[in-house]
Amino acid sequence: MTLKTTIMTLTKSKYYFEALDYFPFNLSECMDALSYALSYEPEDADSLCLMGRVYSEELKDYETAKKYFDEAMQNNIANINTPKYYIECLLNNEDYKEAEKLIEFALKLKGIDKSEILNCLSLLQERNFEYKQALGTLKEAKKFAYNRAALEILEDREKLVKGKVTRNRTIKKTE
């Protein structure tokens, strides 16, 4: 690696970390820093992923977000940061088939947080009204939750889905 390449990488990283620090509280500064990061390295998967998150989570422009996530995946297929956010974007945009394929792929990535991806799978199942499968997936996700915060998120989701199962049964009985 040449000195120029090293300096450009460090500069890109500086701007990426600034953007990450600003996200989601100061979107103007975040976008400025991301623009600089991408000008130094236009194919950086982490910067593209963060840009996708801005469009997906803050602007609710899922189609634009999908383009950024897709580009991030194309540039670094092994990046473990992108799949979770891409899956969430696909779910919010009701692209369930695409989300299912990405979940299958993501679960095979070495080093990815399987509890997060399985939680995404349970969301997909819930959106398809497959509550029992969602509960089974959440149970599986708990096996891969290695901190209290992750476990609490899964337990809260489990309560929510169980409530829907109970409510669904009551509605069917009254019909």
N, C-alpha and C. Protein backbone atom coordinates (compact mmCIF):
# COMPACT_ATOMS: atom_id res chain seq x y z
N MET A 1 0.84 -1.17 0.00
CA MET A 1 0.00 0.00 0.00
C MET A 1 0.89 1.24 0.00
N THR A 2 0.59 2.16 -0.87
CA THR A 2 1.39 3.38 -0.96
C THR A 2 0.98 4.37 0.12
N LEU A 3 1.81 5.34 0.35
CA LEU A 3 1.52 6.37 1.34
C LEU A 3 0.25 7.13 0.98
N LYS A 4 0.08 7.42 -0.31
CA LYS A 4 -1.12 8.14 -0.76
C LYS A 4 -2.39 7.33 -0.49
N THR A 5 -2.35 6.02 -0.77
CA THR A 5 -3.49 5.15 -0.53
C THR A 5 -3.81 5.09 0.97
N THR A 6 -2.78 5.00 1.80
CA THR A 6 -2.97 4.95 3.24
C THR A 6 -3.61 6.24 3.74
N ILE A 7 -3.15 7.36 3.26
CA ILE A 7 -3.70 8.65 3.68
C ILE A 7 -5.16 8.77 3.24
N MET A 8 -5.47 8.33 2.02
CA MET A 8 -6.86 8.40 1.53
C MET A 8 -7.76 7.49 2.36
N THR A 9 -7.28 6.31 2.73
CA THR A 9 -8.06 5.38 3.54
C THR A 9 -8.32 5.97 4.92
N LEU A 10 -7.29 6.56 5.52
CA LEU A 10 -7.45 7.19 6.83
C LEU A 10 -8.42 8.36 6.76
N THR A 11 -8.35 9.13 5.70
CA THR A 11 -9.26 10.27 5.54
C THR A 11 -10.68 9.78 5.36
N LYS A 12 -10.86 8.75 4.53
CA LYS A 12 -12.20 8.17 4.33
C LYS A 12 -12.74 7.67 5.65
N SER A 13 -11.91 6.97 6.42
CA SER A 13 -12.33 6.43 7.72
C SER A 13 -12.71 7.56 8.68
N LYS A 14 -11.95 8.63 8.67
CA LYS A 14 -12.24 9.79 9.53
C LYS A 14 -13.64 10.30 9.23
N TYR A 15 -13.94 10.50 7.94
CA TYR A 15 -15.25 11.03 7.56
C TYR A 15 -16.36 10.02 7.82
N TYR A 16 -16.08 8.75 7.61
CA TYR A 16 -17.10 7.72 7.89
C TYR A 16 -17.45 7.73 9.37
N PHE A 17 -16.44 7.78 10.23
CA PHE A 17 -16.70 7.78 11.67
C PHE A 17 -17.40 9.05 12.13
N GLU A 18 -17.10 10.17 11.49
CA GLU A 18 -17.84 11.40 11.79
C GLU A 18 -19.30 11.22 11.42
N ALA A 19 -19.56 10.67 10.24
CA ALA A 19 -20.94 10.45 9.79
C ALA A 19 -21.67 9.52 10.74
N LEU A 20 -21.00 8.47 11.15
CA LEU A 20 -21.59 7.51 12.08
C LEU A 20 -21.91 8.19 13.41
N ASP A 21 -21.03 9.07 13.86
CA ASP A 21 -21.24 9.79 15.11
C ASP A 21 -22.44 10.74 15.01
N TYR A 22 -22.62 11.38 13.85
CA TYR A 22 -23.73 12.31 13.65
C TYR A 22 -25.07 11.60 13.46
N PHE A 23 -25.04 10.38 12.95
CA PHE A 23 -26.28 9.65 12.64
C PHE A 23 -26.96 9.18 13.91
N PRO A 24 -28.24 9.30 14.10
CA PRO A 24 -29.27 9.96 13.28
C PRO A 24 -29.62 11.37 13.77
N PHE A 25 -28.83 11.91 14.67
CA PHE A 25 -29.21 13.14 15.35
C PHE A 25 -28.94 14.42 14.56
N ASN A 26 -27.95 14.39 13.68
CA ASN A 26 -27.62 15.56 12.89
C ASN A 26 -27.41 15.10 11.45
N LEU A 27 -28.52 14.97 10.73
CA LEU A 27 -28.47 14.41 9.38
C LEU A 27 -27.71 15.28 8.40
N SER A 28 -27.76 16.57 8.57
CA SER A 28 -27.03 17.47 7.67
C SER A 28 -25.53 17.20 7.75
N GLU A 29 -24.99 17.17 8.96
CA GLU A 29 -23.57 16.90 9.15
C GLU A 29 -23.23 15.46 8.74
N CYS A 30 -24.14 14.54 9.02
CA CYS A 30 -23.94 13.14 8.64
C CYS A 30 -23.80 13.01 7.13
N MET A 31 -24.70 13.66 6.40
CA MET A 31 -24.66 13.57 4.94
C MET A 31 -23.41 14.23 4.38
N ASP A 32 -23.00 15.35 4.97
CA ASP A 32 -21.76 16.01 4.52
C ASP A 32 -20.56 15.07 4.70
N ALA A 33 -20.46 14.49 5.89
CA ALA A 33 -19.34 13.60 6.17
C ALA A 33 -19.38 12.36 5.27
N LEU A 34 -20.57 11.82 5.03
CA LEU A 34 -20.70 10.66 4.15
C LEU A 34 -20.31 11.01 2.72
N SER A 35 -20.68 12.18 2.27
CA SER A 35 -20.30 12.61 0.92
C SER A 35 -18.78 12.67 0.79
N TYR A 36 -18.14 13.21 1.81
CA TYR A 36 -16.67 13.25 1.79
C TYR A 36 -16.09 11.85 1.81
N ALA A 37 -16.61 10.98 2.69
CA ALA A 37 -16.10 9.60 2.77
C ALA A 37 -16.23 8.89 1.44
N LEU A 38 -17.38 9.05 0.80
CA LEU A 38 -17.61 8.37 -0.48
C LEU A 38 -16.81 9.02 -1.62
N SER A 39 -16.44 10.27 -1.47
CA SER A 39 -15.60 10.88 -2.51
C SER A 39 -14.18 10.31 -2.46
N TYR A 40 -13.74 9.90 -1.27
CA TYR A 40 -12.41 9.29 -1.15
C TYR A 40 -12.43 7.81 -1.55
N GLU A 41 -13.53 7.13 -1.22
CA GLU A 41 -13.64 5.71 -1.57
C GLU A 41 -15.10 5.40 -1.91
N PRO A 42 -15.49 5.57 -3.18
CA PRO A 42 -16.89 5.42 -3.58
C PRO A 42 -17.45 4.01 -3.41
N GLU A 43 -16.60 3.03 -3.24
CA GLU A 43 -17.06 1.64 -3.13
C GLU A 43 -17.01 1.12 -1.70
N ASP A 44 -16.84 2.01 -0.71
CA ASP A 44 -16.75 1.58 0.68
C ASP A 44 -18.10 1.07 1.18
N ALA A 45 -18.16 -0.20 1.52
CA ALA A 45 -19.42 -0.83 1.90
C ALA A 45 -20.03 -0.21 3.16
N ASP A 46 -19.21 0.13 4.14
CA ASP A 46 -19.76 0.70 5.38
C ASP A 46 -20.37 2.08 5.12
N SER A 47 -19.72 2.90 4.32
CA SER A 47 -20.26 4.23 3.99
C SER A 47 -21.55 4.10 3.18
N LEU A 48 -21.55 3.19 2.21
CA LEU A 48 -22.76 2.96 1.41
C LEU A 48 -23.90 2.44 2.28
N CYS A 49 -23.58 1.56 3.21
CA CYS A 49 -24.59 1.03 4.13
C CYS A 49 -25.19 2.15 4.97
N LEU A 50 -24.33 3.02 5.51
CA LEU A 50 -24.83 4.13 6.33
C LEU A 50 -25.70 5.07 5.50
N MET A 51 -25.31 5.30 4.25
CA MET A 51 -26.14 6.13 3.37
C MET A 51 -27.50 5.45 3.15
N GLY A 52 -27.49 4.14 2.99
CA GLY A 52 -28.74 3.39 2.87
C GLY A 52 -29.60 3.54 4.12
N ARG A 53 -28.96 3.52 5.28
CA ARG A 53 -29.70 3.69 6.54
C ARG A 53 -30.35 5.08 6.62
N VAL A 54 -29.63 6.10 6.16
CA VAL A 54 -30.20 7.45 6.18
C VAL A 54 -31.49 7.46 5.35
N TYR A 55 -31.41 6.90 4.15
CA TYR A 55 -32.59 6.90 3.28
C TYR A 55 -33.70 5.99 3.80
N SER A 56 -33.35 4.86 4.39
CA SER A 56 -34.34 3.91 4.87
C SER A 56 -34.97 4.35 6.19
N GLU A 57 -34.13 4.61 7.19
CA GLU A 57 -34.62 4.84 8.54
C GLU A 57 -35.12 6.26 8.77
N GLU A 58 -34.49 7.23 8.13
CA GLU A 58 -34.84 8.62 8.40
C GLU A 58 -35.73 9.23 7.33
N LEU A 59 -35.42 8.98 6.07
CA LEU A 59 -36.17 9.60 4.97
C LEU A 59 -37.31 8.72 4.46
N LYS A 60 -37.30 7.45 4.85
CA LYS A 60 -38.32 6.48 4.41
C LYS A 60 -38.40 6.36 2.89
N ASP A 61 -37.26 6.58 2.25
CA ASP A 61 -37.15 6.42 0.79
C ASP A 61 -36.49 5.05 0.56
N TYR A 62 -37.31 4.03 0.61
CA TYR A 62 -36.81 2.66 0.60
C TYR A 62 -36.16 2.27 -0.73
N GLU A 63 -36.68 2.78 -1.83
CA GLU A 63 -36.11 2.43 -3.13
C GLU A 63 -34.68 2.96 -3.27
N THR A 64 -34.47 4.19 -2.85
CA THR A 64 -33.11 4.75 -2.89
C THR A 64 -32.21 4.00 -1.91
N ALA A 65 -32.74 3.72 -0.74
CA ALA A 65 -31.97 2.97 0.26
C ALA A 65 -31.54 1.62 -0.28
N LYS A 66 -32.45 0.93 -0.96
CA LYS A 66 -32.13 -0.38 -1.53
C LYS A 66 -30.96 -0.29 -2.51
N LYS A 67 -30.90 0.79 -3.27
CA LYS A 67 -29.79 0.95 -4.22
C LYS A 67 -28.46 1.06 -3.48
N TYR A 68 -28.44 1.82 -2.39
CA TYR A 68 -27.21 1.94 -1.61
C TYR A 68 -26.83 0.62 -0.95
N PHE A 69 -27.82 -0.06 -0.36
CA PHE A 69 -27.53 -1.34 0.28
C PHE A 69 -27.03 -2.37 -0.74
N ASP A 70 -27.69 -2.39 -1.89
CA ASP A 70 -27.30 -3.32 -2.95
C ASP A 70 -25.87 -3.06 -3.41
N GLU A 71 -25.52 -1.79 -3.58
CA GLU A 71 -24.17 -1.43 -3.98
C GLU A 71 -23.15 -1.83 -2.90
N ALA A 72 -23.53 -1.64 -1.65
CA ALA A 72 -22.64 -2.03 -0.55
C ALA A 72 -22.40 -3.54 -0.58
N MET A 73 -23.46 -4.31 -0.81
CA MET A 73 -23.33 -5.77 -0.86
C MET A 73 -22.49 -6.19 -2.06
N GLN A 74 -22.65 -5.52 -3.19
CA GLN A 74 -21.86 -5.86 -4.38
C GLN A 74 -20.38 -5.57 -4.18
N ASN A 75 -20.09 -4.49 -3.46
CA ASN A 75 -18.70 -4.10 -3.25
C ASN A 75 -18.00 -4.92 -2.18
N ASN A 76 -18.77 -5.45 -1.23
CA ASN A 76 -18.18 -6.29 -0.18
C ASN A 76 -19.24 -7.26 0.32
N ILE A 77 -19.32 -8.38 -0.33
CA ILE A 77 -20.36 -9.38 -0.02
C ILE A 77 -20.21 -9.96 1.38
N ALA A 78 -19.00 -9.87 1.94
CA ALA A 78 -18.76 -10.44 3.27
C ALA A 78 -18.94 -9.43 4.39
N ASN A 79 -19.33 -8.21 4.07
CA ASN A 79 -19.52 -7.19 5.10
C ASN A 79 -20.70 -7.58 5.98
N ILE A 80 -20.44 -7.73 7.27
CA ILE A 80 -21.50 -8.21 8.16
C ILE A 80 -22.37 -7.09 8.72
N ASN A 81 -22.05 -5.85 8.39
CA ASN A 81 -22.86 -4.72 8.87
C ASN A 81 -24.09 -4.47 8.01
N THR A 82 -23.99 -4.74 6.73
CA THR A 82 -25.04 -4.36 5.80
C THR A 82 -26.31 -5.22 5.86
N PRO A 83 -26.24 -6.55 5.94
CA PRO A 83 -27.46 -7.36 5.80
C PRO A 83 -28.60 -6.99 6.75
N LYS A 84 -28.33 -6.76 8.02
CA LYS A 84 -29.41 -6.46 8.97
C LYS A 84 -30.21 -5.24 8.53
N TYR A 85 -29.51 -4.18 8.17
CA TYR A 85 -30.20 -2.94 7.79
C TYR A 85 -30.89 -3.08 6.43
N TYR A 86 -30.28 -3.84 5.55
CA TYR A 86 -30.89 -4.08 4.24
C TYR A 86 -32.17 -4.89 4.42
N ILE A 87 -32.12 -5.91 5.26
CA ILE A 87 -33.30 -6.73 5.52
C ILE A 87 -34.42 -5.88 6.11
N GLU A 88 -34.09 -5.03 7.08
CA GLU A 88 -35.11 -4.16 7.70
C GLU A 88 -35.74 -3.24 6.65
N CYS A 89 -34.92 -2.72 5.75
CA CYS A 89 -35.42 -1.88 4.67
C CYS A 89 -36.38 -2.67 3.77
N LEU A 90 -35.98 -3.87 3.40
CA LEU A 90 -36.84 -4.71 2.56
C LEU A 90 -38.17 -5.03 3.24
N LEU A 91 -38.12 -5.30 4.53
CA LEU A 91 -39.35 -5.58 5.28
C LEU A 91 -40.25 -4.35 5.31
N ASN A 92 -39.68 -3.19 5.57
CA ASN A 92 -40.47 -1.96 5.61
C ASN A 92 -41.07 -1.62 4.25
N ASN A 93 -40.40 -2.03 3.19
CA ASN A 93 -40.89 -1.78 1.83
C ASN A 93 -41.78 -2.92 1.33
N GLU A 94 -42.00 -3.89 2.18
CA GLU A 94 -42.84 -5.06 1.88
C GLU A 94 -42.29 -5.90 0.72
N ASP A 95 -40.98 -5.97 0.63
CA ASP A 95 -40.30 -6.83 -0.34
C ASP A 95 -39.93 -8.13 0.37
N TYR A 96 -40.94 -8.91 0.67
CA TYR A 96 -40.75 -10.08 1.54
C TYR A 96 -39.92 -11.20 0.92
N LYS A 97 -40.10 -11.44 -0.37
CA LYS A 97 -39.32 -12.50 -1.03
C LYS A 97 -37.83 -12.15 -1.01
N GLU A 98 -37.51 -10.90 -1.34
CA GLU A 98 -36.11 -10.46 -1.32
C GLU A 98 -35.53 -10.56 0.10
N ALA A 99 -36.34 -10.16 1.08
CA ALA A 99 -35.89 -10.21 2.47
C ALA A 99 -35.59 -11.65 2.88
N GLU A 100 -36.46 -12.57 2.49
CA GLU A 100 -36.26 -13.98 2.82
C GLU A 100 -34.96 -14.52 2.23
N LYS A 101 -34.67 -14.17 0.98
CA LYS A 101 -33.43 -14.62 0.35
C LYS A 101 -32.21 -14.04 1.05
N LEU A 102 -32.29 -12.77 1.42
CA LEU A 102 -31.16 -12.13 2.09
C LEU A 102 -30.95 -12.71 3.49
N ILE A 103 -32.03 -13.04 4.17
CA ILE A 103 -31.92 -13.67 5.49
C ILE A 103 -31.19 -15.01 5.37
N GLU A 104 -31.59 -15.82 4.39
CA GLU A 104 -30.93 -17.11 4.17
C GLU A 104 -29.44 -16.93 3.94
N PHE A 105 -29.08 -15.94 3.12
CA PHE A 105 -27.69 -15.67 2.83
C PHE A 105 -26.96 -15.18 4.08
N ALA A 106 -27.56 -14.23 4.78
CA ALA A 106 -26.92 -13.60 5.94
C ALA A 106 -26.62 -14.60 7.05
N LEU A 107 -27.49 -15.57 7.22
CA LEU A 107 -27.28 -16.57 8.28
C LEU A 107 -26.04 -17.43 8.02
N LYS A 108 -25.55 -17.40 6.79
CA LYS A 108 -24.35 -18.18 6.44
C LYS A 108 -23.07 -17.36 6.58
N LEU A 109 -23.19 -16.04 6.81
CA LEU A 109 -22.01 -15.19 6.91
C LEU A 109 -21.28 -15.41 8.23
N LYS A 110 -20.01 -15.64 8.13
CA LYS A 110 -19.18 -15.84 9.32
C LYS A 110 -19.08 -14.53 10.09
N GLY A 111 -19.37 -14.58 11.38
CA GLY A 111 -19.22 -13.42 12.25
C GLY A 111 -20.45 -12.55 12.39
N ILE A 112 -21.51 -12.85 11.64
CA ILE A 112 -22.72 -12.03 11.73
C ILE A 112 -23.47 -12.35 13.02
N ASP A 113 -24.19 -11.37 13.54
CA ASP A 113 -24.98 -11.58 14.75
C ASP A 113 -26.26 -12.33 14.36
N LYS A 114 -26.24 -13.62 14.58
CA LYS A 114 -27.36 -14.46 14.16
C LYS A 114 -28.65 -14.12 14.90
N SER A 115 -28.54 -13.64 16.15
CA SER A 115 -29.76 -13.29 16.88
C SER A 115 -30.48 -12.13 16.18
N GLU A 116 -29.74 -11.17 15.65
CA GLU A 116 -30.36 -10.04 14.95
C GLU A 116 -31.02 -10.50 13.65
N ILE A 117 -30.34 -11.38 12.92
CA ILE A 117 -30.89 -11.85 11.65
C ILE A 117 -32.12 -12.73 11.89
N LEU A 118 -32.05 -13.56 12.92
CA LEU A 118 -33.21 -14.39 13.25
C LEU A 118 -34.38 -13.53 13.74
N ASN A 119 -34.08 -12.44 14.41
CA ASN A 119 -35.12 -11.51 14.81
C ASN A 119 -35.79 -10.92 13.57
N CYS A 120 -35.00 -10.60 12.56
CA CYS A 120 -35.55 -10.12 11.29
C CYS A 120 -36.44 -11.19 10.65
N LEU A 121 -36.00 -12.44 10.72
CA LEU A 121 -36.82 -13.54 10.19
C LEU A 121 -38.15 -13.62 10.92
N SER A 122 -38.12 -13.45 12.24
CA SER A 122 -39.37 -13.50 13.00
C SER A 122 -40.30 -12.34 12.61
N LEU A 123 -39.71 -11.18 12.29
CA LEU A 123 -40.52 -10.05 11.80
C LEU A 123 -41.18 -10.39 10.47
N LEU A 124 -40.42 -11.03 9.59
CA LEU A 124 -40.97 -11.46 8.31
C LEU A 124 -42.12 -12.44 8.53
N GLN A 125 -41.92 -13.40 9.40
CA GLN A 125 -42.96 -14.39 9.68
C GLN A 125 -44.19 -13.72 10.30
N GLU A 126 -43.97 -12.77 11.19
CA GLU A 126 -45.08 -12.05 11.80
C GLU A 126 -45.87 -11.28 10.76
N ARG A 127 -45.16 -10.62 9.84
CA ARG A 127 -45.83 -9.86 8.79
C ARG A 127 -46.62 -10.76 7.84
N ASN A 128 -46.24 -12.03 7.79
CA ASN A 128 -46.97 -13.01 6.99
C ASN A 128 -48.01 -13.75 7.83
N PHE A 129 -48.26 -13.26 9.06
CA PHE A 129 -49.24 -13.82 10.00
C PHE A 129 -48.90 -15.25 10.40
N GLU A 130 -47.63 -15.59 10.39
CA GLU A 130 -47.14 -16.91 10.80
C GLU A 130 -46.60 -16.79 12.23
N TYR A 131 -47.53 -16.60 13.17
CA TYR A 131 -47.13 -16.27 14.55
C TYR A 131 -46.40 -17.41 15.25
N LYS A 132 -46.84 -18.62 15.05
CA LYS A 132 -46.17 -19.76 15.72
C LYS A 132 -44.75 -19.94 15.21
N GLN A 133 -44.55 -19.79 13.90
CA GLN A 133 -43.20 -19.87 13.35
C GLN A 133 -42.34 -18.73 13.90
N ALA A 134 -42.94 -17.54 14.02
CA ALA A 134 -42.21 -16.38 14.55
C ALA A 134 -41.75 -16.66 15.99
N LEU A 135 -42.62 -17.27 16.78
CA LEU A 135 -42.25 -17.60 18.16
C LEU A 135 -41.12 -18.63 18.19
N GLY A 136 -41.18 -19.60 17.31
CA GLY A 136 -40.11 -20.61 17.23
C GLY A 136 -38.78 -19.97 16.81
N THR A 137 -38.84 -19.04 15.89
CA THR A 137 -37.63 -18.34 15.44
C THR A 137 -37.06 -17.49 16.56
N LEU A 138 -37.92 -16.83 17.32
CA LEU A 138 -37.45 -16.03 18.45
C LEU A 138 -36.78 -16.91 19.51
N LYS A 139 -37.33 -18.09 19.72
CA LYS A 139 -36.71 -19.03 20.66
C LYS A 139 -35.31 -19.41 20.18
N GLU A 140 -35.18 -19.65 18.88
CA GLU A 140 -33.88 -19.97 18.29
C GLU A 140 -32.92 -18.78 18.40
N ALA A 141 -33.45 -17.58 18.17
CA ALA A 141 -32.62 -16.36 18.24
C ALA A 141 -32.03 -16.17 19.63
N LYS A 142 -32.79 -16.54 20.64
CA LYS A 142 -32.31 -16.39 22.02
C LYS A 142 -31.03 -17.20 22.27
N LYS A 143 -30.87 -18.30 21.55
CA LYS A 143 -29.67 -19.12 21.71
C LYS A 143 -28.42 -18.36 21.27
N PHE A 144 -28.60 -17.37 20.39
CA PHE A 144 -27.46 -16.62 19.85
C PHE A 144 -27.35 -15.22 20.45
N ALA A 145 -28.17 -14.92 21.44
CA ALA A 145 -28.11 -13.61 22.11
C ALA A 145 -27.11 -13.72 23.25
N TYR A 146 -26.04 -12.95 23.14
CA TYR A 146 -24.94 -13.08 24.11
C TYR A 146 -24.80 -11.89 25.03
N ASN A 147 -25.81 -11.02 25.06
CA ASN A 147 -25.81 -9.94 26.04
C ASN A 147 -27.25 -9.66 26.47
N ARG A 148 -27.39 -9.03 27.59
CA ARG A 148 -28.70 -8.79 28.19
C ARG A 148 -29.59 -7.93 27.27
N ALA A 149 -29.03 -6.91 26.67
CA ALA A 149 -29.82 -6.02 25.82
C ALA A 149 -30.45 -6.79 24.65
N ALA A 150 -29.66 -7.64 24.00
CA ALA A 150 -30.17 -8.42 22.88
C ALA A 150 -31.26 -9.38 23.35
N LEU A 151 -31.05 -9.98 24.50
CA LEU A 151 -32.04 -10.92 25.04
C LEU A 151 -33.34 -10.20 25.39
N GLU A 152 -33.25 -9.01 25.95
CA GLU A 152 -34.45 -8.25 26.29
C GLU A 152 -35.25 -7.86 25.05
N ILE A 153 -34.56 -7.51 23.98
CA ILE A 153 -35.26 -7.18 22.72
C ILE A 153 -36.04 -8.39 22.24
N LEU A 154 -35.41 -9.55 22.28
CA LEU A 154 -36.07 -10.78 21.82
C LEU A 154 -37.24 -11.15 22.73
N GLU A 155 -37.07 -10.99 24.03
CA GLU A 155 -38.15 -11.30 24.98
C GLU A 155 -39.34 -10.37 24.78
N ASP A 156 -39.07 -9.08 24.53
CA ASP A 156 -40.15 -8.13 24.26
C ASP A 156 -40.89 -8.49 22.98
N ARG A 157 -40.13 -8.87 21.94
CA ARG A 157 -40.76 -9.29 20.68
C ARG A 157 -41.63 -10.52 20.91
N GLU A 158 -41.10 -11.45 21.72
CA GLU A 158 -41.85 -12.68 22.01
C GLU A 158 -43.19 -12.35 22.69
N LYS A 159 -43.18 -11.44 23.64
CA LYS A 159 -44.42 -11.02 24.31
C LYS A 159 -45.40 -10.43 23.32
N LEU A 160 -44.89 -9.60 22.42
CA LEU A 160 -45.73 -8.97 21.41
C LEU A 160 -46.39 -10.02 20.51
N VAL A 161 -45.61 -10.96 20.04
CA VAL A 161 -46.15 -11.99 19.13
C VAL A 161 -47.11 -12.90 19.89
N LYS A 162 -46.79 -13.26 21.12
CA LYS A 162 -47.71 -14.08 21.92
C LYS A 162 -49.05 -13.37 22.11
N GLY A 163 -48.99 -12.05 22.29
CA GLY A 163 -50.22 -11.27 22.41
C GLY A 163 -51.05 -11.33 21.15
N LYS A 164 -50.40 -11.35 20.03
CA LYS A 164 -51.12 -11.45 18.75
C LYS A 164 -51.74 -12.83 18.57
N VAL A 165 -51.03 -13.87 19.03
CA VAL A 165 -51.57 -15.23 18.94
C VAL A 165 -52.83 -15.33 19.79
N THR A 166 -52.78 -14.82 21.01
CA THR A 166 -53.93 -14.85 21.92
C THR A 166 -55.09 -14.05 21.34
N ARG A 167 -54.80 -12.85 20.84
CA ARG A 167 -55.81 -11.99 20.25
C ARG A 167 -56.43 -12.64 19.02
N ASN A 168 -55.62 -13.31 18.23
CA ASN A 168 -56.08 -13.98 17.01
C ASN A 168 -57.04 -15.12 17.36
N ARG A 169 -56.71 -15.88 18.40
CA ARG A 169 -57.58 -16.97 18.83
C ARG A 169 -58.94 -16.45 19.31
N THR A 170 -58.93 -15.34 20.07
CA THR A 170 -60.16 -14.75 20.59
C THR A 170 -61.04 -14.27 19.45
N ILE A 171 -60.45 -13.65 18.44
CA ILE A 171 -61.20 -13.16 17.30
C ILE A 171 -61.84 -14.32 16.54
N LYS A 172 -61.10 -15.42 16.34
CA LYS A 172 -61.63 -16.57 15.62
C LYS A 172 -62.78 -17.22 16.37
N LYS A 173 -62.69 -17.27 17.72
CA LYS A 173 -63.77 -17.88 18.53
C LYS A 173 -65.04 -17.07 18.45
N THR A 174 -64.95 -15.76 18.40
CA THR A 174 -66.14 -14.93 18.37
C THR A 174 -66.82 -14.89 17.00
N GLU A 175 -66.08 -15.28 15.97
CA GLU A 175 -66.66 -15.24 14.61
C GLU A 175 -67.65 -16.31 14.39
